[in-house]
PDB file of N, CA and C in Angstrom:
ATOM      1  N   UNK A   1      55.361 -11.290 -45.708  1.00  0.00           N
ATOM      2  CA  UNK A   1      55.069 -10.420 -46.802  1.00  0.00           C
ATOM      3  C   UNK A   1      55.378  -9.001 -46.353  1.00  0.00           C
ATOM      4  N   UNK A   2      55.907  -8.223 -47.268  1.00  0.00           N
ATOM      5  CA  UNK A   2      56.303  -6.871 -46.944  1.00  0.00           C
ATOM      6  C   UNK A   2      55.796  -5.958 -48.047  1.00  0.00           C
ATOM      7  N   UNK A   3      55.154  -4.879 -47.682  1.00  0.00           N
ATOM      8  CA  UNK A   3      54.662  -3.918 -48.669  1.00  0.00           C
ATOM      9  C   UNK A   3      55.639  -2.758 -48.723  1.00  0.00           C
ATOM     10  N   UNK A   4      56.150  -2.530 -49.918  1.00  0.00           N
ATOM     11  CA  UNK A   4      57.090  -1.435 -50.124  1.00  0.00           C
ATOM     12  C   UNK A   4      56.381  -0.394 -50.963  1.00  0.00           C
ATOM     13  N   UNK A   5      56.280   0.800 -50.458  1.00  0.00           N
ATOM     14  CA  UNK A   5      55.595   1.852 -51.215  1.00  0.00           C
ATOM     15  C   UNK A   5      56.613   2.747 -51.901  1.00  0.00           C
ATOM     16  N   UNK A   6      56.386   2.972 -53.136  1.00  0.00           N
ATOM     17  CA  UNK A   6      57.205   3.867 -53.940  1.00  0.00           C
ATOM     18  C   UNK A   6      56.346   5.095 -54.218  1.00  0.00           C
ATOM     19  N   UNK A   7      56.924   6.150 -54.661  1.00  0.00           N
ATOM     20  CA  UNK A   7      56.127   7.347 -54.891  1.00  0.00           C
ATOM     21  C   UNK A   7      54.928   7.134 -55.814  1.00  0.00           C
ATOM     22  N   UNK A   8      55.038   6.249 -56.816  1.00  0.00           N
ATOM     23  CA  UNK A   8      53.946   6.110 -57.772  1.00  0.00           C
ATOM     24  C   UNK A   8      53.065   4.899 -57.498  1.00  0.00           C
ATOM     25  N   UNK A   9      53.646   3.750 -57.350  1.00  0.00           N
ATOM     26  CA  UNK A   9      52.877   2.504 -57.262  1.00  0.00           C
ATOM     27  C   UNK A   9      53.391   1.655 -56.101  1.00  0.00           C
ATOM     28  N   UNK A  10      52.496   1.150 -55.198  1.00  0.00           N
ATOM     29  CA  UNK A  10      52.967   0.231 -54.159  1.00  0.00           C
ATOM     30  C   UNK A  10      53.280  -1.136 -54.771  1.00  0.00           C
ATOM     31  N   UNK A  11      54.314  -1.777 -54.277  1.00  0.00           N
ATOM     32  CA  UNK A  11      54.687  -3.121 -54.743  1.00  0.00           C
ATOM     33  C   UNK A  11      54.704  -4.068 -53.544  1.00  0.00           C
ATOM     34  N   UNK A  12      54.369  -5.307 -53.790  1.00  0.00           N
ATOM     35  CA  UNK A  12      54.374  -6.315 -52.736  1.00  0.00           C
ATOM     36  C   UNK A  12      55.589  -7.204 -52.961  1.00  0.00           C
ATOM     37  N   UNK A  13      56.411  -7.324 -51.931  1.00  0.00           N
ATOM     38  CA  UNK A  13      57.600  -8.163 -51.996  1.00  0.00           C
ATOM     39  C   UNK A  13      57.377  -9.329 -51.054  1.00  0.00           C
ATOM     40  N   UNK A  14      57.492 -10.560 -51.566  1.00  0.00           N
ATOM     41  CA  UNK A  14      57.284 -11.738 -50.737  1.00  0.00           C
ATOM     42  C   UNK A  14      58.636 -12.284 -50.317  1.00  0.00           C
ATOM     43  N   UNK A  15      58.755 -12.554 -49.024  1.00  0.00           N
ATOM     44  CA  UNK A  15      59.998 -13.102 -48.497  1.00  0.00           C
ATOM     45  C   UNK A  15      59.791 -14.552 -48.128  1.00  0.00           C
ATOM     46  N   UNK A  16      60.807 -15.324 -48.264  1.00  0.00           N
ATOM     47  CA  UNK A  16      60.773 -16.715 -47.861  1.00  0.00           C
ATOM     48  C   UNK A  16      60.879 -16.767 -46.335  1.00  0.00           C
ATOM     49  N   UNK A  17      59.946 -17.399 -45.682  1.00  0.00           N
ATOM     50  CA  UNK A  17      59.923 -17.449 -44.218  1.00  0.00           C
ATOM     51  C   UNK A  17      61.175 -18.112 -43.679  1.00  0.00           C
ATOM     52  N   UNK A  18      61.621 -19.191 -44.317  1.00  0.00           N
ATOM     53  CA  UNK A  18      62.812 -19.890 -43.847  1.00  0.00           C
ATOM     54  C   UNK A  18      64.044 -18.992 -43.868  1.00  0.00           C
ATOM     55  N   UNK A  19      64.144 -18.115 -44.840  1.00  0.00           N
ATOM     56  CA  UNK A  19      65.317 -17.250 -44.907  1.00  0.00           C
ATOM     57  C   UNK A  19      65.351 -16.280 -43.741  1.00  0.00           C
ATOM     58  N   UNK A  20      64.187 -15.854 -43.250  1.00  0.00           N
ATOM     59  CA  UNK A  20      64.152 -14.948 -42.095  1.00  0.00           C
ATOM     60  C   UNK A  20      64.397 -15.707 -40.813  1.00  0.00           C
ATOM     61  N   UNK A  21      63.795 -16.887 -40.677  1.00  0.00           N
ATOM     62  CA  UNK A  21      63.851 -17.633 -39.435  1.00  0.00           C
ATOM     63  C   UNK A  21      65.239 -18.207 -39.173  1.00  0.00           C
ATOM     64  N   UNK A  22      65.925 -18.609 -40.213  1.00  0.00           N
ATOM     65  CA  UNK A  22      67.199 -19.287 -40.037  1.00  0.00           C
ATOM     66  C   UNK A  22      68.417 -18.376 -40.162  1.00  0.00           C
ATOM     67  N   UNK A  23      68.228 -17.084 -40.090  1.00  0.00           N
ATOM     68  CA  UNK A  23      69.374 -16.182 -40.111  1.00  0.00           C
ATOM     69  C   UNK A  23      70.179 -16.410 -38.839  1.00  0.00           C
ATOM     70  N   UNK A  24      71.495 -16.447 -38.940  1.00  0.00           N
ATOM     71  CA  UNK A  24      72.321 -16.741 -37.761  1.00  0.00           C
ATOM     72  C   UNK A  24      72.064 -15.799 -36.589  1.00  0.00           C
ATOM     73  N   UNK A  25      71.860 -14.515 -36.855  1.00  0.00           N
ATOM     74  CA  UNK A  25      71.647 -13.587 -35.737  1.00  0.00           C
ATOM     75  C   UNK A  25      70.316 -13.841 -35.036  1.00  0.00           C
ATOM     76  N   UNK A  26      69.309 -14.329 -35.777  1.00  0.00           N
ATOM     77  CA  UNK A  26      68.020 -14.630 -35.157  1.00  0.00           C
ATOM     78  C   UNK A  26      68.068 -15.961 -34.416  1.00  0.00           C
ATOM     79  N   UNK A  27      68.787 -16.933 -34.974  1.00  0.00           N
ATOM     80  CA  UNK A  27      68.901 -18.238 -34.328  1.00  0.00           C
ATOM     81  C   UNK A  27      69.638 -18.101 -33.004  1.00  0.00           C
ATOM     82  N   UNK A  28      70.695 -17.285 -32.967  1.00  0.00           N
ATOM     83  CA  UNK A  28      71.463 -17.092 -31.737  1.00  0.00           C
ATOM     84  C   UNK A  28      70.637 -16.396 -30.663  1.00  0.00           C
ATOM     85  N   UNK A  29      69.686 -15.561 -31.071  1.00  0.00           N
ATOM     86  CA  UNK A  29      68.884 -14.816 -30.105  1.00  0.00           C
ATOM     87  C   UNK A  29      67.754 -15.647 -29.513  1.00  0.00           C
ATOM     88  N   UNK A  30      67.436 -16.792 -30.138  1.00  0.00           N
ATOM     89  CA  UNK A  30      66.358 -17.635 -29.621  1.00  0.00           C
ATOM     90  C   UNK A  30      66.764 -18.272 -28.309  1.00  0.00           C
ATOM     91  N   UNK A  31      65.819 -18.370 -27.366  1.00  0.00           N
ATOM     92  CA  UNK A  31      66.149 -19.045 -26.108  1.00  0.00           C
ATOM     93  C   UNK A  31      66.278 -20.541 -26.342  1.00  0.00           C
ATOM     94  N   UNK A  32      67.214 -21.151 -25.657  1.00  0.00           N
ATOM     95  CA  UNK A  32      67.412 -22.603 -25.746  1.00  0.00           C
ATOM     96  C   UNK A  32      66.482 -23.289 -24.754  1.00  0.00           C
ATOM     97  N   UNK A  33      65.939 -24.429 -25.153  1.00  0.00           N
ATOM     98  CA  UNK A  33      65.119 -25.221 -24.244  1.00  0.00           C
ATOM     99  C   UNK A  33      66.026 -26.100 -23.415  1.00  0.00           C
ATOM    100  N   UNK A  34      65.772 -26.104 -22.132  1.00  0.00           N
ATOM    101  CA  UNK A  34      66.618 -26.873 -21.219  1.00  0.00           C
ATOM    102  C   UNK A  34      66.460 -28.356 -21.474  1.00  0.00           C
ATOM    103  N   UNK A  35      67.596 -29.049 -21.608  1.00  0.00           N
ATOM    104  CA  UNK A  35      67.572 -30.495 -21.710  1.00  0.00           C
ATOM    105  C   UNK A  35      67.191 -31.052 -23.064  1.00  0.00           C
ATOM    106  N   UNK A  36      66.961 -30.212 -24.057  1.00  0.00           N
ATOM    107  CA  UNK A  36      66.571 -30.716 -25.368  1.00  0.00           C
ATOM    108  C   UNK A  36      67.494 -30.120 -26.424  1.00  0.00           C
ATOM    109  N   UNK A  37      67.882 -30.938 -27.354  1.00  0.00           N
ATOM    110  CA  UNK A  37      68.643 -30.410 -28.472  1.00  0.00           C
ATOM    111  C   UNK A  37      67.666 -29.910 -29.512  1.00  0.00           C
ATOM    112  N   UNK A  38      68.142 -29.109 -30.443  1.00  0.00           N
ATOM    113  CA  UNK A  38      67.254 -28.537 -31.444  1.00  0.00           C
ATOM    114  C   UNK A  38      66.721 -29.597 -32.399  1.00  0.00           C
ATOM    115  N   UNK A  39      67.368 -30.770 -32.449  1.00  0.00           N
ATOM    116  CA  UNK A  39      66.937 -31.808 -33.359  1.00  0.00           C
ATOM    117  C   UNK A  39      66.071 -32.881 -32.695  1.00  0.00           C
ATOM    118  N   UNK A  40      65.899 -32.847 -31.390  1.00  0.00           N
ATOM    119  CA  UNK A  40      65.115 -33.885 -30.727  1.00  0.00           C
ATOM    120  C   UNK A  40      63.627 -33.638 -30.924  1.00  0.00           C
ATOM    121  N   UNK A  41      62.879 -34.713 -30.933  1.00  0.00           N
ATOM    122  CA  UNK A  41      61.432 -34.623 -31.106  1.00  0.00           C
ATOM    123  C   UNK A  41      60.759 -35.321 -29.939  1.00  0.00           C
ATOM    124  N   UNK A  42      59.568 -34.850 -29.592  1.00  0.00           N
ATOM    125  CA  UNK A  42      58.806 -35.481 -28.520  1.00  0.00           C
ATOM    126  C   UNK A  42      58.206 -36.786 -29.045  1.00  0.00           C
ATOM    127  N   UNK A  43      58.199 -37.788 -28.205  1.00  0.00           N
ATOM    128  CA  UNK A  43      57.675 -39.096 -28.584  1.00  0.00           C
ATOM    129  C   UNK A  43      56.731 -39.563 -27.489  1.00  0.00           C
ATOM    130  N   UNK A  44      55.576 -40.077 -27.911  1.00  0.00           N
ATOM    131  CA  UNK A  44      54.620 -40.648 -26.972  1.00  0.00           C
ATOM    132  C   UNK A  44      54.534 -42.136 -27.247  1.00  0.00           C
ATOM    133  N   UNK A  45      54.739 -42.935 -26.220  1.00  0.00           N
ATOM    134  CA  UNK A  45      54.700 -44.379 -26.370  1.00  0.00           C
ATOM    135  C   UNK A  45      53.668 -44.927 -25.396  1.00  0.00           C
ATOM    136  N   UNK A  46      52.624 -45.509 -25.939  1.00  0.00           N
ATOM    137  CA  UNK A  46      51.574 -46.092 -25.104  1.00  0.00           C
ATOM    138  C   UNK A  46      51.703 -47.600 -25.194  1.00  0.00           C
ATOM    139  N   UNK A  47      51.939 -48.219 -24.076  1.00  0.00           N
ATOM    140  CA  UNK A  47      52.104 -49.666 -24.094  1.00  0.00           C
ATOM    141  C   UNK A  47      50.749 -50.342 -24.222  1.00  0.00           C
ATOM    142  N   UNK A  48      50.762 -51.505 -24.803  1.00  0.00           N
ATOM    143  CA  UNK A  48      49.537 -52.274 -25.010  1.00  0.00           C
ATOM    144  C   UNK A  48      48.943 -52.681 -23.667  1.00  0.00           C
ATOM    145  N   UNK A  49      49.790 -53.001 -22.715  1.00  0.00           N
ATOM    146  CA  UNK A  49      49.277 -53.455 -21.424  1.00  0.00           C
ATOM    147  C   UNK A  49      48.513 -52.347 -20.698  1.00  0.00           C
ATOM    148  N   UNK A  50      48.957 -51.097 -20.827  1.00  0.00           N
ATOM    149  CA  UNK A  50      48.228 -50.017 -20.162  1.00  0.00           C
ATOM    150  C   UNK A  50      46.876 -49.785 -20.823  1.00  0.00           C
ATOM    151  N   UNK A  51      46.814 -49.937 -22.137  1.00  0.00           N
ATOM    152  CA  UNK A  51      45.539 -49.786 -22.847  1.00  0.00           C
ATOM    153  C   UNK A  51      44.596 -50.919 -22.451  1.00  0.00           C
ATOM    154  N   UNK A  52      45.118 -52.136 -22.372  1.00  0.00           N
ATOM    155  CA  UNK A  52      44.296 -53.281 -21.967  1.00  0.00           C
ATOM    156  C   UNK A  52      43.787 -53.110 -20.538  1.00  0.00           C
ATOM    157  N   UNK A  53      44.631 -52.613 -19.655  1.00  0.00           N
ATOM    158  CA  UNK A  53      44.231 -52.389 -18.262  1.00  0.00           C
ATOM    159  C   UNK A  53      43.106 -51.370 -18.189  1.00  0.00           C
ATOM    160  N   UNK A  54      43.241 -50.283 -18.935  1.00  0.00           N
ATOM    161  CA  UNK A  54      42.196 -49.248 -18.968  1.00  0.00           C
ATOM    162  C   UNK A  54      40.889 -49.821 -19.501  1.00  0.00           C
ATOM    163  N   UNK A  55      40.967 -50.622 -20.540  1.00  0.00           N
ATOM    164  CA  UNK A  55      39.777 -51.230 -21.131  1.00  0.00           C
ATOM    165  C   UNK A  55      39.089 -52.169 -20.150  1.00  0.00           C
ATOM    166  N   UNK A  56      39.880 -52.982 -19.462  1.00  0.00           N
ATOM    167  CA  UNK A  56      39.313 -53.902 -18.470  1.00  0.00           C
ATOM    168  C   UNK A  56      38.652 -53.141 -17.327  1.00  0.00           C
ATOM    169  N   UNK A  57      39.261 -52.043 -16.905  1.00  0.00           N
ATOM    170  CA  UNK A  57      38.689 -51.227 -15.829  1.00  0.00           C
ATOM    171  C   UNK A  57      37.342 -50.654 -16.248  1.00  0.00           C
ATOM    172  N   UNK A  58      37.284 -50.122 -17.468  1.00  0.00           N
ATOM    173  CA  UNK A  58      36.011 -49.567 -17.961  1.00  0.00           C
ATOM    174  C   UNK A  58      34.939 -50.643 -18.084  1.00  0.00           C
ATOM    175  N   UNK A  59      35.328 -51.812 -18.583  1.00  0.00           N
ATOM    176  CA  UNK A  59      34.358 -52.908 -18.714  1.00  0.00           C
ATOM    177  C   UNK A  59      33.842 -53.346 -17.348  1.00  0.00           C
ATOM    178  N   UNK A  60      34.715 -53.379 -16.341  1.00  0.00           N
ATOM    179  CA  UNK A  60      34.300 -53.768 -14.993  1.00  0.00           C
ATOM    180  C   UNK A  60      33.324 -52.745 -14.410  1.00  0.00           C
ATOM    181  N   UNK A  61      33.609 -51.452 -14.619  1.00  0.00           N
ATOM    182  CA  UNK A  61      32.709 -50.405 -14.122  1.00  0.00           C
ATOM    183  C   UNK A  61      31.352 -50.482 -14.813  1.00  0.00           C
ATOM    184  N   UNK A  62      31.358 -50.742 -16.128  1.00  0.00           N
ATOM    185  CA  UNK A  62      30.107 -50.852 -16.868  1.00  0.00           C
ATOM    186  C   UNK A  62      29.313 -52.065 -16.395  1.00  0.00           C
ATOM    187  N   UNK A  63      29.982 -53.170 -16.136  1.00  0.00           N
ATOM    188  CA  UNK A  63      29.306 -54.376 -15.661  1.00  0.00           C
ATOM    189  C   UNK A  63      28.646 -54.127 -14.306  1.00  0.00           C
ATOM    190  N   UNK A  64      29.312 -53.355 -13.429  1.00  0.00           N
ATOM    191  CA  UNK A  64      28.727 -53.015 -12.121  1.00  0.00           C
ATOM    192  C   UNK A  64      27.467 -52.184 -12.290  1.00  0.00           C
ATOM    193  N   UNK A  65      27.499 -51.204 -13.210  1.00  0.00           N
ATOM    194  CA  UNK A  65      26.317 -50.355 -13.439  1.00  0.00           C
ATOM    195  C   UNK A  65      25.158 -51.172 -14.003  1.00  0.00           C
ATOM    196  N   UNK A  66      25.475 -52.057 -14.947  1.00  0.00           N
ATOM    197  CA  UNK A  66      24.431 -52.901 -15.550  1.00  0.00           C
ATOM    198  C   UNK A  66      23.820 -53.817 -14.496  1.00  0.00           C
ATOM    199  N   UNK A  67      24.649 -54.411 -13.658  1.00  0.00           N
ATOM    200  CA  UNK A  67      24.161 -55.300 -12.606  1.00  0.00           C
ATOM    201  C   UNK A  67      23.259 -54.542 -11.628  1.00  0.00           C
ATOM    202  N   UNK A  68      23.655 -53.326 -11.266  1.00  0.00           N
ATOM    203  CA  UNK A  68      22.842 -52.523 -10.347  1.00  0.00           C
ATOM    204  C   UNK A  68      21.490 -52.195 -10.973  1.00  0.00           C
ATOM    205  N   UNK A  69      21.468 -51.874 -12.259  1.00  0.00           N
ATOM    206  CA  UNK A  69      20.198 -51.596 -12.941  1.00  0.00           C
ATOM    207  C   UNK A  69      19.328 -52.850 -13.015  1.00  0.00           C
ATOM    208  N   UNK A  70      19.927 -54.002 -13.290  1.00  0.00           N
ATOM    209  CA  UNK A  70      19.171 -55.255 -13.343  1.00  0.00           C
ATOM    210  C   UNK A  70      18.506 -55.545 -12.005  1.00  0.00           C
ATOM    211  N   UNK A  71      19.257 -55.326 -10.923  1.00  0.00           N
ATOM    212  CA  UNK A  71      18.699 -55.573  -9.593  1.00  0.00           C
ATOM    213  C   UNK A  71      17.541 -54.634  -9.294  1.00  0.00           C
ATOM    214  N   UNK A  72      17.661 -53.360  -9.675  1.00  0.00           N
ATOM    215  CA  UNK A  72      16.567 -52.407  -9.463  1.00  0.00           C
ATOM    216  C   UNK A  72      15.328 -52.799 -10.265  1.00  0.00           C
ATOM    217  N   UNK A  73      15.531 -53.232 -11.514  1.00  0.00           N
ATOM    218  CA  UNK A  73      14.396 -53.625 -12.364  1.00  0.00           C
ATOM    219  C   UNK A  73      13.705 -54.865 -11.792  1.00  0.00           C
ATOM    220  N   UNK A  74      14.488 -55.875 -11.381  1.00  0.00           N
ATOM    221  CA  UNK A  74      13.915 -57.111 -10.843  1.00  0.00           C
ATOM    222  C   UNK A  74      13.161 -56.878  -9.540  1.00  0.00           C
ATOM    223  N   UNK A  75      13.644 -55.951  -8.748  1.00  0.00           N
ATOM    224  CA  UNK A  75      12.980 -55.686  -7.473  1.00  0.00           C
ATOM    225  C   UNK A  75      11.785 -54.743  -7.629  1.00  0.00           C
ATOM    226  N   UNK A  76      11.622 -54.159  -8.813  1.00  0.00           N
ATOM    227  CA  UNK A  76      10.506 -53.250  -9.053  1.00  0.00           C
ATOM    228  C   UNK A  76      10.763 -51.843  -8.552  1.00  0.00           C
ATOM    229  N   UNK A  77      11.964 -51.535  -8.175  1.00  0.00           N
ATOM    230  CA  UNK A  77      12.298 -50.208  -7.662  1.00  0.00           C
ATOM    231  C   UNK A  77      12.771 -49.241  -8.742  1.00  0.00           C
ATOM    232  N   UNK A  78      12.993 -49.739  -9.956  1.00  0.00           N
ATOM    233  CA  UNK A  78      13.485 -48.872 -11.028  1.00  0.00           C
ATOM    234  C   UNK A  78      12.330 -48.056 -11.577  1.00  0.00           C
ATOM    235  N   UNK A  79      12.420 -46.755 -11.456  1.00  0.00           N
ATOM    236  CA  UNK A  79      11.371 -45.859 -11.918  1.00  0.00           C
ATOM    237  C   UNK A  79      11.863 -45.097 -13.141  1.00  0.00           C
ATOM    238  N   UNK A  80      11.027 -45.045 -14.149  1.00  0.00           N
ATOM    239  CA  UNK A  80      11.359 -44.335 -15.377  1.00  0.00           C
ATOM    240  C   UNK A  80      10.605 -43.020 -15.393  1.00  0.00           C
ATOM    241  N   UNK A  81      11.307 -41.940 -15.630  1.00  0.00           N
ATOM    242  CA  UNK A  81      10.689 -40.623 -15.719  1.00  0.00           C
ATOM    243  C   UNK A  81      10.055 -40.470 -17.093  1.00  0.00           C
ATOM    244  N   UNK A  82       8.731 -40.269 -17.116  1.00  0.00           N
ATOM    245  CA  UNK A  82       8.047 -40.101 -18.404  1.00  0.00           C
ATOM    246  C   UNK A  82       8.536 -38.831 -19.097  1.00  0.00           C
ATOM    247  N   UNK A  83       8.909 -37.831 -18.328  1.00  0.00           N
ATOM    248  CA  UNK A  83       9.437 -36.587 -18.907  1.00  0.00           C
ATOM    249  C   UNK A  83      10.776 -36.855 -19.619  1.00  0.00           C
ATOM    250  N   UNK A  84      11.643 -37.636 -18.986  1.00  0.00           N
ATOM    251  CA  UNK A  84      12.941 -37.954 -19.589  1.00  0.00           C
ATOM    252  C   UNK A  84      12.760 -38.754 -20.872  1.00  0.00           C
ATOM    253  N   UNK A  85      11.795 -39.699 -20.858  1.00  0.00           N
ATOM    254  CA  UNK A  85      11.527 -40.499 -22.054  1.00  0.00           C
ATOM    255  C   UNK A  85      11.030 -39.601 -23.180  1.00  0.00           C
ATOM    256  N   UNK A  86      10.104 -38.692 -22.868  1.00  0.00           N
ATOM    257  CA  UNK A  86       9.555 -37.784 -23.876  1.00  0.00           C
ATOM    258  C   UNK A  86      10.652 -36.874 -24.440  1.00  0.00           C
ATOM    259  N   UNK A  87      11.535 -36.365 -23.588  1.00  0.00           N
ATOM    260  CA  UNK A  87      12.619 -35.502 -24.050  1.00  0.00           C
ATOM    261  C   UNK A  87      13.563 -36.254 -24.989  1.00  0.00           C
ATOM    262  N   UNK A  88      13.884 -37.502 -24.660  1.00  0.00           N
ATOM    263  CA  UNK A  88      14.759 -38.303 -25.512  1.00  0.00           C
ATOM    264  C   UNK A  88      14.096 -38.597 -26.853  1.00  0.00           C
ATOM    265  N   UNK A  89      12.792 -38.863 -26.827  1.00  0.00           N
ATOM    266  CA  UNK A  89      12.070 -39.130 -28.066  1.00  0.00           C
ATOM    267  C   UNK A  89      12.066 -37.899 -28.960  1.00  0.00           C
ATOM    268  N   UNK A  90      11.826 -36.742 -28.387  1.00  0.00           N
ATOM    269  CA  UNK A  90      11.814 -35.509 -29.157  1.00  0.00           C
ATOM    270  C   UNK A  90      13.218 -35.180 -29.686  1.00  0.00           C
ATOM    271  N   UNK A  91      14.216 -35.385 -28.868  1.00  0.00           N
ATOM    272  CA  UNK A  91      15.595 -35.125 -29.303  1.00  0.00           C
ATOM    273  C   UNK A  91      15.973 -36.042 -30.461  1.00  0.00           C
ATOM    274  N   UNK A  92      15.516 -37.274 -30.409  1.00  0.00           N
ATOM    275  CA  UNK A  92      15.815 -38.219 -31.488  1.00  0.00           C
ATOM    276  C   UNK A  92      15.115 -37.874 -32.790  1.00  0.00           C
ATOM    277  N   UNK A  93      13.919 -37.313 -32.702  1.00  0.00           N
ATOM    278  CA  UNK A  93      13.186 -36.958 -33.924  1.00  0.00           C
ATOM    279  C   UNK A  93      13.726 -35.685 -34.561  1.00  0.00           C
ATOM    280  N   UNK A  94      14.432 -34.862 -33.809  1.00  0.00           N
ATOM    281  CA  UNK A  94      14.991 -33.605 -34.331  1.00  0.00           C
ATOM    282  C   UNK A  94      16.285 -33.849 -35.095  1.00  0.00           C
ATOM    283  N   UNK A  95      16.949 -34.955 -34.846  1.00  0.00           N
ATOM    284  CA  UNK A  95      18.247 -35.219 -35.481  1.00  0.00           C
ATOM    285  C   UNK A  95      18.127 -35.526 -36.934  1.00  0.00           C
TER     286      UNK A  95
END
């Protein structure tokens, strides 16, 4: 957008952005990206096997944590902080 002031009344002149951006002198002045043509697009390809591997890894880590907690509870060594329980209860009632 460009504001042109005349002696009596200011006028607003709207320019098409594409007409400014695609002028040959401006296009020539733009830096070229190395190794990419102006028409190429970035593509992300995630294979199913990598997603499955990540999922299996997370499930294995979670199973280890659950097993460790079960062992602590069965042995009587798992201690629950009454303060932590109270904080969680209060946080839940505020939501």
